[in-house]
Amino acid sequence: MAFKIRNLILCLGIVFSAQRMRAQEPPPLRELNFHVLSGSRIHNVRYGVYDDNGNLIGSKQTGFRSSGRSLKYAYKGPAKIIFFEETPAPTPSNPKTVSRKIVGVSNVPSGVTDVLFLFTLNKPAPEQGYKYNIQWIDTSDANFPPGHVTIYNTLPLEFKGVLGKKGEKGKVIEVSPGMNPPFSFHPEVKIILTLKSENDGILRVYEDNIIGRKDDRILLVLFPPRFPGSINIGSKIITFPLTPVEKEKTNPASSSTN
């Protein structure tokens, strides 16, 4: 009987030790390649750099571009991706200490490996919450077939439009909020979007030429108007060629935290 009890205690000890070891294991880190994009110029937005246990050890600067998407950044860290503004906060003992204020977060599903983060400034600035609303787009080939333009509408409005060559009738399209289905396009195409107003009738809010190769994958992002009271919406045209986009250069991460 004593032998059976001793074996039972030994087995229970092994089970509890295994459970304790699993509890101490850090959560798995996710890997992600991403670009950032905004309808307006943004400065001083960084993302975290983590060690293999998920501990924040530094940060890297994101570089927003007025002409389109940024360089490609590589992220490896916790599932919740945190973006923050960083300011120096030196102390006598550590002059390199910094203070970090979270300005936005995003949760991208684990099966997604390549995304474009869309940053939109929350107006008016919230007393509580984040400075930026961050939406993500899966930029894998499956979502952007060659020879197509896909429209991502960040506005809570529906548009009607025409997509076609100059001088031709073109294809009538409807654009809803969020990601829209891809439309096939000619390498030189004009797109016109309109909005119906009860007071002013049909308003032309967007018009532009999209020029690309027949096998390009094009993303048109629609942003709110840049100026209050304007009916002309903002936009960015992003071309995804079949060749890889230049990747970020390796820069040393800042290593101090507040």
C-alpha atoms as a PDB file:
ATOM      1  CA  MET A   1       0.000   0.000   0.000  1.00  0.00           C
ATOM      2  CA  ALA A   2       2.816   2.385   0.921  1.00  0.00           C
ATOM      3  CA  PHE A   3       4.454   1.601  -2.437  1.00  0.00           C
ATOM      4  CA  LYS A   4       1.263   2.556  -4.331  1.00  0.00           C
ATOM      5  CA  ILE A   5       0.894   5.815  -2.390  1.00  0.00           C
ATOM      6  CA  ARG A   6       4.560   6.689  -3.031  1.00  0.00           C
ATOM      7  CA  ASN A   7       4.110   6.069  -6.773  1.00  0.00           C
ATOM      8  CA  LEU A   8       0.929   8.172  -6.805  1.00  0.00           C
ATOM      9  CA  ILE A   9       2.689  11.081  -5.111  1.00  0.00           C
ATOM     10  CA  LEU A  10       5.582  10.778  -7.569  1.00  0.00           C
ATOM     11  CA  CYS A  11       3.229  10.817 -10.568  1.00  0.00           C
ATOM     12  CA  LEU A  12       1.329  13.812  -9.212  1.00  0.00           C
ATOM     13  CA  GLY A  13       4.623  15.634  -8.687  1.00  0.00           C
ATOM     14  CA  ILE A  14       5.631  15.025 -12.305  1.00  0.00           C
ATOM     15  CA  VAL A  15       2.251  16.274 -13.565  1.00  0.00           C
ATOM     16  CA  PHE A  16       2.362  19.443 -11.438  1.00  0.00           C
ATOM     17  CA  SER A  17       5.963  20.140 -12.496  1.00  0.00           C
ATOM     18  CA  ALA A  18       5.017  19.832 -16.182  1.00  0.00           C
ATOM     19  CA  GLN A  19       2.043  22.146 -15.706  1.00  0.00           C
ATOM     20  CA  ARG A  20       4.216  24.688 -13.880  1.00  0.00           C
ATOM     21  CA  MET A  21       6.806  24.610 -16.680  1.00  0.00           C
ATOM     22  CA  ARG A  22       4.078  25.175 -19.305  1.00  0.00           C
ATOM     23  CA  ALA A  23       2.697  28.067 -17.280  1.00  0.00           C
ATOM     24  CA  GLN A  24       6.142  29.677 -17.196  1.00  0.00           C
ATOM     25  CA  GLU A  25       6.679  29.341 -20.940  1.00  0.00           C
ATOM     26  CA  PRO A  26       6.302  32.679 -22.748  1.00  0.00           C
ATOM     27  CA  PRO A  27       3.399  32.980 -25.206  1.00  0.00           C
ATOM     28  CA  PRO A  28       4.366  32.271 -28.823  1.00  0.00           C
ATOM     29  CA  LEU A  29       5.544  35.289 -30.804  1.00  0.00           C
ATOM     30  CA  ARG A  30       4.017  36.040 -34.188  1.00  0.00           C
ATOM     31  CA  GLU A  31       5.988  37.128 -37.256  1.00  0.00           C
ATOM     32  CA  LEU A  32       4.655  39.741 -39.645  1.00  0.00           C
ATOM     33  CA  ASN A  33       5.833  41.816 -42.576  1.00  0.00           C
ATOM     34  CA  PHE A  34       4.067  45.144 -42.866  1.00  0.00           C
ATOM     35  CA  HIS A  35       3.909  48.573 -44.497  1.00  0.00           C
ATOM     36  CA  VAL A  36       2.314  51.709 -43.035  1.00  0.00           C
ATOM     37  CA  LEU A  37       0.158  54.250 -44.862  1.00  0.00           C
ATOM     38  CA  SER A  38      -1.730  57.392 -43.928  1.00  0.00           C
ATOM     39  CA  GLY A  39      -3.736  60.047 -45.731  1.00  0.00           C
ATOM     40  CA  SER A  40      -1.684  62.737 -44.006  1.00  0.00           C
ATOM     41  CA  ARG A  41       1.915  63.064 -42.890  1.00  0.00           C
ATOM     42  CA  ILE A  42       2.697  61.315 -39.602  1.00  0.00           C
ATOM     43  CA  HIS A  43       5.879  61.568 -37.569  1.00  0.00           C
ATOM     44  CA  ASN A  44       7.352  59.774 -34.569  1.00  0.00           C
ATOM     45  CA  VAL A  45       5.402  56.520 -34.632  1.00  0.00           C
ATOM     46  CA  ARG A  46       7.381  53.487 -33.537  1.00  0.00           C
ATOM     47  CA  TYR A  47       6.739  49.805 -32.895  1.00  0.00           C
ATOM     48  CA  GLY A  48       8.222  47.462 -30.329  1.00  0.00           C
ATOM     49  CA  VAL A  49      11.246  45.204 -30.603  1.00  0.00           C
ATOM     50  CA  TYR A  50      11.053  42.117 -28.391  1.00  0.00           C
ATOM     51  CA  ASP A  51      13.350  39.364 -27.184  1.00  0.00           C
ATOM     52  CA  ASP A  52      12.513  35.671 -27.575  1.00  0.00           C
ATOM     53  CA  ASN A  53      10.455  35.749 -24.364  1.00  0.00           C
ATOM     54  CA  GLY A  54       8.243  38.611 -25.535  1.00  0.00           C
ATOM     55  CA  ASN A  55       9.902  41.291 -23.382  1.00  0.00           C
ATOM     56  CA  LEU A  56      10.095  44.776 -24.870  1.00  0.00           C
ATOM     57  CA  ILE A  57      13.768  45.664 -25.358  1.00  0.00           C
ATOM     58  CA  GLY A  58      13.567  48.601 -27.770  1.00  0.00           C
ATOM     59  CA  SER A  59      11.730  50.134 -30.686  1.00  0.00           C
ATOM     60  CA  LYS A  60      12.004  50.984 -34.381  1.00  0.00           C
ATOM     61  CA  GLN A  61      10.816  54.053 -36.248  1.00  0.00           C
ATOM     62  CA  THR A  62       8.206  53.755 -38.985  1.00  0.00           C
ATOM     63  CA  GLY A  63       8.627  56.061 -41.969  1.00  0.00           C
ATOM     64  CA  PHE A  64       5.368  57.324 -43.452  1.00  0.00           C
ATOM     65  CA  ARG A  65       5.616  58.603 -47.016  1.00  0.00           C
ATOM     66  CA  SER A  66       3.454  61.280 -48.588  1.00  0.00           C
ATOM     67  CA  SER A  67       3.643  59.483 -51.949  1.00  0.00           C
ATOM     68  CA  GLY A  68       2.430  56.094 -50.731  1.00  0.00           C
ATOM     69  CA  ARG A  69       3.301  53.130 -48.571  1.00  0.00           C
ATOM     70  CA  SER A  70       6.435  52.897 -46.479  1.00  0.00           C
ATOM     71  CA  LEU A  71       9.295  50.457 -46.765  1.00  0.00           C
ATOM     72  CA  LYS A  72       8.632  46.928 -45.553  1.00  0.00           C
ATOM     73  CA  TYR A  73       9.116  46.299 -41.834  1.00  0.00           C
ATOM     74  CA  ALA A  74       9.619  42.964 -40.117  1.00  0.00           C
ATOM     75  CA  TYR A  75       7.905  42.402 -36.774  1.00  0.00           C
ATOM     76  CA  LYS A  76       8.335  39.552 -34.321  1.00  0.00           C
ATOM     77  CA  GLY A  77       6.532  39.901 -31.031  1.00  0.00           C
ATOM     78  CA  PRO A  78       3.245  39.455 -29.153  1.00  0.00           C
ATOM     79  CA  ALA A  79      -0.009  39.044 -31.063  1.00  0.00           C
ATOM     80  CA  LYS A  80      -1.156  42.561 -30.154  1.00  0.00           C
ATOM     81  CA  ILE A  81       1.006  44.958 -32.160  1.00  0.00           C
ATOM     82  CA  ILE A  82       1.520  48.235 -30.295  1.00  0.00           C
ATOM     83  CA  PHE A  83       2.463  51.536 -31.924  1.00  0.00           C
ATOM     84  CA  PHE A  84       3.628  54.421 -29.764  1.00  0.00           C
ATOM     85  CA  GLU A  85       5.245  57.834 -29.707  1.00  0.00           C
ATOM     86  CA  GLU A  86       8.593  57.987 -27.988  1.00  0.00           C
ATOM     87  CA  THR A  87      10.189  60.982 -26.248  1.00  0.00           C
ATOM     88  CA  PRO A  88      13.452  61.282 -24.304  1.00  0.00           C
ATOM     89  CA  ALA A  89      13.062  61.056 -20.524  1.00  0.00           C
ATOM     90  CA  PRO A  90      16.641  60.956 -19.206  1.00  0.00           C
ATOM     91  CA  THR A  91      17.424  60.260 -15.568  1.00  0.00           C
ATOM     92  CA  PRO A  92      20.702  60.786 -13.697  1.00  0.00           C
ATOM     93  CA  SER A  93      21.263  57.039 -13.603  1.00  0.00           C
ATOM     94  CA  ASN A  94      20.229  56.399 -17.236  1.00  0.00           C
ATOM     95  CA  PRO A  95      20.416  59.346 -19.643  1.00  0.00           C
ATOM     96  CA  LYS A  96      19.055  57.192 -22.517  1.00  0.00           C
ATOM     97  CA  THR A  97      15.706  56.443 -20.872  1.00  0.00           C
ATOM     98  CA  VAL A  98      12.637  57.199 -23.004  1.00  0.00           C
ATOM     99  CA  SER A  99       8.930  57.646 -22.332  1.00  0.00           C
ATOM    100  CA  ARG A 100       6.433  55.830 -24.544  1.00  0.00           C
ATOM    101  CA  LYS A 101       2.807  56.756 -25.160  1.00  0.00           C
ATOM    102  CA  ILE A 102       0.627  54.223 -26.985  1.00  0.00           C
ATOM    103  CA  VAL A 103      -1.092  55.822 -30.002  1.00  0.00           C
ATOM    104  CA  GLY A 104      -2.681  52.723 -31.570  1.00  0.00           C
ATOM    105  CA  VAL A 105      -2.862  48.952 -31.445  1.00  0.00           C
ATOM    106  CA  SER A 106      -3.780  46.225 -33.904  1.00  0.00           C
ATOM    107  CA  ASN A 107      -4.538  42.522 -33.719  1.00  0.00           C
ATOM    108  CA  VAL A 108      -3.788  40.678 -36.947  1.00  0.00           C
ATOM    109  CA  PRO A 109      -4.843  36.999 -37.197  1.00  0.00           C
ATOM    110  CA  SER A 110      -1.972  34.550 -36.875  1.00  0.00           C
ATOM    111  CA  GLY A 111      -2.484  33.143 -40.372  1.00  0.00           C
ATOM    112  CA  VAL A 112      -1.831  36.529 -42.006  1.00  0.00           C
ATOM    113  CA  THR A 113       1.836  37.282 -42.708  1.00  0.00           C
ATOM    114  CA  ASP A 114       1.818  40.432 -44.905  1.00  0.00           C
ATOM    115  CA  VAL A 115      -0.295  43.498 -44.171  1.00  0.00           C
ATOM    116  CA  LEU A 116      -0.671  47.184 -44.869  1.00  0.00           C
ATOM    117  CA  PHE A 117      -1.565  49.256 -41.797  1.00  0.00           C
ATOM    118  CA  LEU A 118      -3.807  52.253 -42.517  1.00  0.00           C
ATOM    119  CA  PHE A 119      -3.472  55.046 -39.945  1.00  0.00           C
ATOM    120  CA  THR A 120      -6.315  57.548 -39.600  1.00  0.00           C
ATOM    121  CA  LEU A 121      -6.152  60.360 -37.058  1.00  0.00           C
ATOM    122  CA  ASN A 122      -9.090  60.241 -34.636  1.00  0.00           C
ATOM    123  CA  LYS A 123     -10.806  63.639 -34.713  1.00  0.00           C
ATOM    124  CA  PRO A 124     -11.477  65.229 -32.350  1.00  0.00           C
ATOM    125  CA  ALA A 125      -8.648  63.858 -30.251  1.00  0.00           C
ATOM    126  CA  PRO A 126     -10.183  61.435 -27.733  1.00  0.00           C
ATOM    127  CA  GLU A 127      -9.777  62.090 -24.016  1.00  0.00           C
ATOM    128  CA  GLN A 128      -9.556  58.342 -23.596  1.00  0.00           C
ATOM    129  CA  GLY A 129      -8.453  55.874 -26.246  1.00  0.00           C
ATOM    130  CA  TYR A 130      -5.853  56.038 -28.962  1.00  0.00           C
ATOM    131  CA  LYS A 131      -4.681  58.867 -31.180  1.00  0.00           C
ATOM    132  CA  TYR A 132      -4.942  56.777 -34.363  1.00  0.00           C
ATOM    133  CA  ASN A 133      -7.473  54.340 -35.708  1.00  0.00           C
ATOM    134  CA  ILE A 134      -5.446  51.549 -37.313  1.00  0.00           C
ATOM    135  CA  GLN A 135      -6.985  49.277 -39.923  1.00  0.00           C
ATOM    136  CA  TRP A 136      -5.118  46.432 -41.559  1.00  0.00           C
ATOM    137  CA  ILE A 137      -5.291  44.975 -45.058  1.00  0.00           C
ATOM    138  CA  ASP A 138      -4.054  41.516 -46.007  1.00  0.00           C
ATOM    139  CA  THR A 139      -1.723  42.222 -48.945  1.00  0.00           C
ATOM    140  CA  SER A 140      -1.182  38.631 -50.018  1.00  0.00           C
ATOM    141  CA  ASP A 141      -1.476  37.777 -53.721  1.00  0.00           C
ATOM    142  CA  ALA A 142      -4.849  36.098 -53.164  1.00  0.00           C
ATOM    143  CA  ASN A 143      -6.499  39.420 -52.328  1.00  0.00           C
ATOM    144  CA  PHE A 144      -4.901  41.350 -55.186  1.00  0.00           C
ATOM    145  CA  PRO A 145      -5.006  39.427 -58.466  1.00  0.00           C
ATOM    146  CA  PRO A 146      -2.798  40.758 -61.287  1.00  0.00           C
ATOM    147  CA  GLY A 147      -4.484  43.185 -63.645  1.00  0.00           C
ATOM    148  CA  HIS A 148      -6.989  44.358 -61.034  1.00  0.00           C
ATOM    149  CA  VAL A 149      -7.571  47.419 -58.887  1.00  0.00           C
ATOM    150  CA  THR A 150      -8.968  46.959 -55.380  1.00  0.00           C
ATOM    151  CA  ILE A 151     -10.517  49.862 -53.490  1.00  0.00           C
ATOM    152  CA  TYR A 152     -10.337  50.207 -49.722  1.00  0.00           C
ATOM    153  CA  ASN A 153     -12.754  52.862 -48.499  1.00  0.00           C
ATOM    154  CA  THR A 154     -11.984  54.248 -45.029  1.00  0.00           C
ATOM    155  CA  LEU A 155     -15.080  56.491 -45.100  1.00  0.00           C
ATOM    156  CA  PRO A 156     -18.517  55.397 -43.813  1.00  0.00           C
ATOM    157  CA  LEU A 157     -20.020  56.347 -47.202  1.00  0.00           C
ATOM    158  CA  GLU A 158     -21.025  54.507 -50.361  1.00  0.00           C
ATOM    159  CA  PHE A 159     -19.954  55.818 -53.762  1.00  0.00           C
ATOM    160  CA  LYS A 160     -20.946  55.128 -57.333  1.00  0.00           C
ATOM    161  CA  GLY A 161     -18.364  55.416 -60.041  1.00  0.00           C
ATOM    162  CA  VAL A 162     -17.057  54.668 -63.478  1.00  0.00           C
ATOM    163  CA  LEU A 163     -13.864  52.789 -64.294  1.00  0.00           C
ATOM    164  CA  GLY A 164     -12.678  52.881 -67.900  1.00  0.00           C
ATOM    165  CA  LYS A 165     -10.460  54.296 -70.623  1.00  0.00           C
ATOM    166  CA  LYS A 166     -10.693  57.967 -71.454  1.00  0.00           C
ATOM    167  CA  GLY A 167     -13.317  58.591 -74.109  1.00  0.00           C
ATOM    168  CA  GLU A 168     -15.125  55.302 -73.463  1.00  0.00           C
ATOM    169  CA  LYS A 169     -18.273  54.653 -71.486  1.00  0.00           C
ATOM    170  CA  GLY A 170     -16.464  52.551 -68.875  1.00  0.00           C
ATOM    171  CA  LYS A 171     -17.611  50.077 -66.247  1.00  0.00           C
ATOM    172  CA  VAL A 172     -20.091  51.225 -63.596  1.00  0.00           C
ATOM    173  CA  ILE A 173     -18.881  50.327 -60.095  1.00  0.00           C
ATOM    174  CA  GLU A 174     -20.166  50.686 -56.549  1.00  0.00           C
ATOM    175  CA  VAL A 175     -17.791  51.312 -53.659  1.00  0.00           C
ATOM    176  CA  SER A 176     -18.812  50.374 -50.121  1.00  0.00           C
ATOM    177  CA  PRO A 177     -17.004  51.096 -46.830  1.00  0.00           C
ATOM    178  CA  GLY A 178     -14.046  48.817 -46.188  1.00  0.00           C
ATOM    179  CA  MET A 179     -12.482  46.430 -48.706  1.00  0.00           C
ATOM    180  CA  ASN A 180     -14.228  46.117 -52.048  1.00  0.00           C
ATOM    181  CA  PRO A 181     -13.954  43.271 -54.567  1.00  0.00           C
ATOM    182  CA  PRO A 182     -11.208  43.708 -57.195  1.00  0.00           C
ATOM    183  CA  PHE A 183     -12.091  45.252 -60.560  1.00  0.00           C
ATOM    184  CA  SER A 184     -10.217  44.374 -63.748  1.00  0.00           C
ATOM    185  CA  PHE A 185      -8.687  47.422 -65.425  1.00  0.00           C
ATOM    186  CA  HIS A 186      -6.925  48.603 -68.551  1.00  0.00           C
ATOM    187  CA  PRO A 187      -3.261  49.665 -67.972  1.00  0.00           C
ATOM    188  CA  GLU A 188      -4.355  53.278 -68.558  1.00  0.00           C
ATOM    189  CA  VAL A 189      -7.690  53.828 -66.864  1.00  0.00           C
ATOM    190  CA  LYS A 190      -9.626  56.748 -65.410  1.00  0.00           C
ATOM    191  CA  ILE A 191     -11.730  56.346 -62.306  1.00  0.00           C
ATOM    192  CA  ILE A 192     -14.484  58.766 -61.286  1.00  0.00           C
ATOM    193  CA  LEU A 193     -16.432  58.494 -58.039  1.00  0.00           C
ATOM    194  CA  THR A 194     -19.607  60.381 -57.139  1.00  0.00           C
ATOM    195  CA  LEU A 195     -21.741  60.839 -54.055  1.00  0.00           C
ATOM    196  CA  LYS A 196     -25.478  61.532 -54.084  1.00  0.00           C
ATOM    197  CA  SER A 197     -26.560  64.401 -51.853  1.00  0.00           C
ATOM    198  CA  GLU A 198     -30.183  65.188 -50.997  1.00  0.00           C
ATOM    199  CA  ASN A 199     -29.504  68.916 -51.239  1.00  0.00           C
ATOM    200  CA  ASP A 200     -26.879  69.144 -53.982  1.00  0.00           C
ATOM    201  CA  GLY A 201     -27.637  66.155 -56.220  1.00  0.00           C
ATOM    202  CA  ILE A 202     -24.738  64.173 -57.671  1.00  0.00           C
ATOM    203  CA  LEU A 203     -21.341  65.378 -56.452  1.00  0.00           C
ATOM    204  CA  ARG A 204     -18.084  64.330 -58.096  1.00  0.00           C
ATOM    205  CA  VAL A 205     -15.776  63.635 -55.167  1.00  0.00           C
ATOM    206  CA  TYR A 206     -12.857  61.839 -56.833  1.00  0.00           C
ATOM    207  CA  GLU A 207     -11.238  61.638 -60.257  1.00  0.00           C
ATOM    208  CA  ASP A 208      -7.828  60.276 -61.186  1.00  0.00           C
ATOM    209  CA  ASN A 209      -5.900  58.300 -63.770  1.00  0.00           C
ATOM    210  CA  ILE A 210      -4.479  54.919 -62.811  1.00  0.00           C
ATOM    211  CA  ILE A 211      -1.498  53.931 -64.918  1.00  0.00           C
ATOM    212  CA  GLY A 212       0.150  50.544 -64.542  1.00  0.00           C
ATOM    213  CA  ARG A 213       1.268  47.416 -66.308  1.00  0.00           C
ATOM    214  CA  LYS A 214      -1.275  44.788 -67.272  1.00  0.00           C
ATOM    215  CA  ASP A 215      -0.043  42.431 -64.550  1.00  0.00           C
ATOM    216  CA  ASP A 216       0.138  45.009 -61.740  1.00  0.00           C
ATOM    217  CA  ARG A 217      -1.921  44.633 -58.576  1.00  0.00           C
ATOM    218  CA  ILE A 218      -3.235  48.047 -57.545  1.00  0.00           C
ATOM    219  CA  LEU A 219      -4.781  49.219 -54.295  1.00  0.00           C
ATOM    220  CA  LEU A 220      -6.676  52.527 -54.179  1.00  0.00           C
ATOM    221  CA  VAL A 221      -7.218  53.758 -50.610  1.00  0.00           C
ATOM    222  CA  LEU A 222      -9.849  56.449 -50.027  1.00  0.00           C
ATOM    223  CA  PHE A 223      -9.387  58.790 -47.056  1.00  0.00           C
ATOM    224  CA  PRO A 224     -11.521  61.613 -45.617  1.00  0.00           C
ATOM    225  CA  PRO A 225     -11.093  65.059 -47.269  1.00  0.00           C
ATOM    226  CA  ARG A 226      -7.897  66.810 -46.242  1.00  0.00           C
ATOM    227  CA  PHE A 227      -9.674  70.079 -45.498  1.00  0.00           C
ATOM    228  CA  PRO A 228     -12.871  70.599 -43.424  1.00  0.00           C
ATOM    229  CA  GLY A 229     -15.896  71.232 -45.614  1.00  0.00           C
ATOM    230  CA  SER A 230     -14.258  69.898 -48.790  1.00  0.00           C
ATOM    231  CA  ILE A 231     -16.050  67.314 -50.944  1.00  0.00           C
ATOM    232  CA  ASN A 232     -12.822  66.124 -52.549  1.00  0.00           C
ATOM    233  CA  ILE A 233     -11.784  62.957 -50.737  1.00  0.00           C
ATOM    234  CA  GLY A 234      -8.154  62.029 -50.197  1.00  0.00           C
ATOM    235  CA  SER A 235      -6.541  59.012 -51.807  1.00  0.00           C
ATOM    236  CA  LYS A 236      -3.383  56.981 -52.187  1.00  0.00           C
ATOM    237  CA  ILE A 237      -2.665  54.623 -55.089  1.00  0.00           C
ATOM    238  CA  ILE A 238      -0.460  51.689 -54.130  1.00  0.00           C
ATOM    239  CA  THR A 239       1.022  49.409 -56.784  1.00  0.00           C
ATOM    240  CA  PHE A 240       2.058  45.890 -55.868  1.00  0.00           C
ATOM    241  CA  PRO A 241       4.470  44.738 -58.598  1.00  0.00           C
ATOM    242  CA  LEU A 242       5.385  41.101 -58.989  1.00  0.00           C
ATOM    243  CA  THR A 243       8.948  41.857 -57.847  1.00  0.00           C
ATOM    244  CA  PRO A 244       9.597  42.233 -54.081  1.00  0.00           C
ATOM    245  CA  VAL A 245       9.437  45.684 -52.529  1.00  0.00           C
ATOM    246  CA  GLU A 246      12.638  47.029 -50.990  1.00  0.00           C
ATOM    247  CA  LYS A 247      12.943  45.940 -47.398  1.00  0.00           C
ATOM    248  CA  GLU A 248      13.926  48.224 -44.537  1.00  0.00           C
ATOM    249  CA  LYS A 249      17.593  48.648 -43.709  1.00  0.00           C
ATOM    250  CA  THR A 250      18.664  47.219 -40.399  1.00  0.00           C
ATOM    251  CA  ASN A 251      18.974  49.965 -37.801  1.00  0.00           C
ATOM    252  CA  PRO A 252      19.942  49.513 -34.173  1.00  0.00           C
ATOM    253  CA  ALA A 253      16.892  49.601 -31.923  1.00  0.00           C
ATOM    254  CA  SER A 254      16.692  52.016 -29.034  1.00  0.00           C
ATOM    255  CA  SER A 255      17.076  49.913 -25.927  1.00  0.00           C
ATOM    256  CA  SER A 256      15.845  51.955 -22.964  1.00  0.00           C
ATOM    257  CA  THR A 257      12.370  52.027 -21.497  1.00  0.00           C
ATOM    258  CA  ASN A 258      10.700  54.279 -18.980  1.00  0.00           C
END
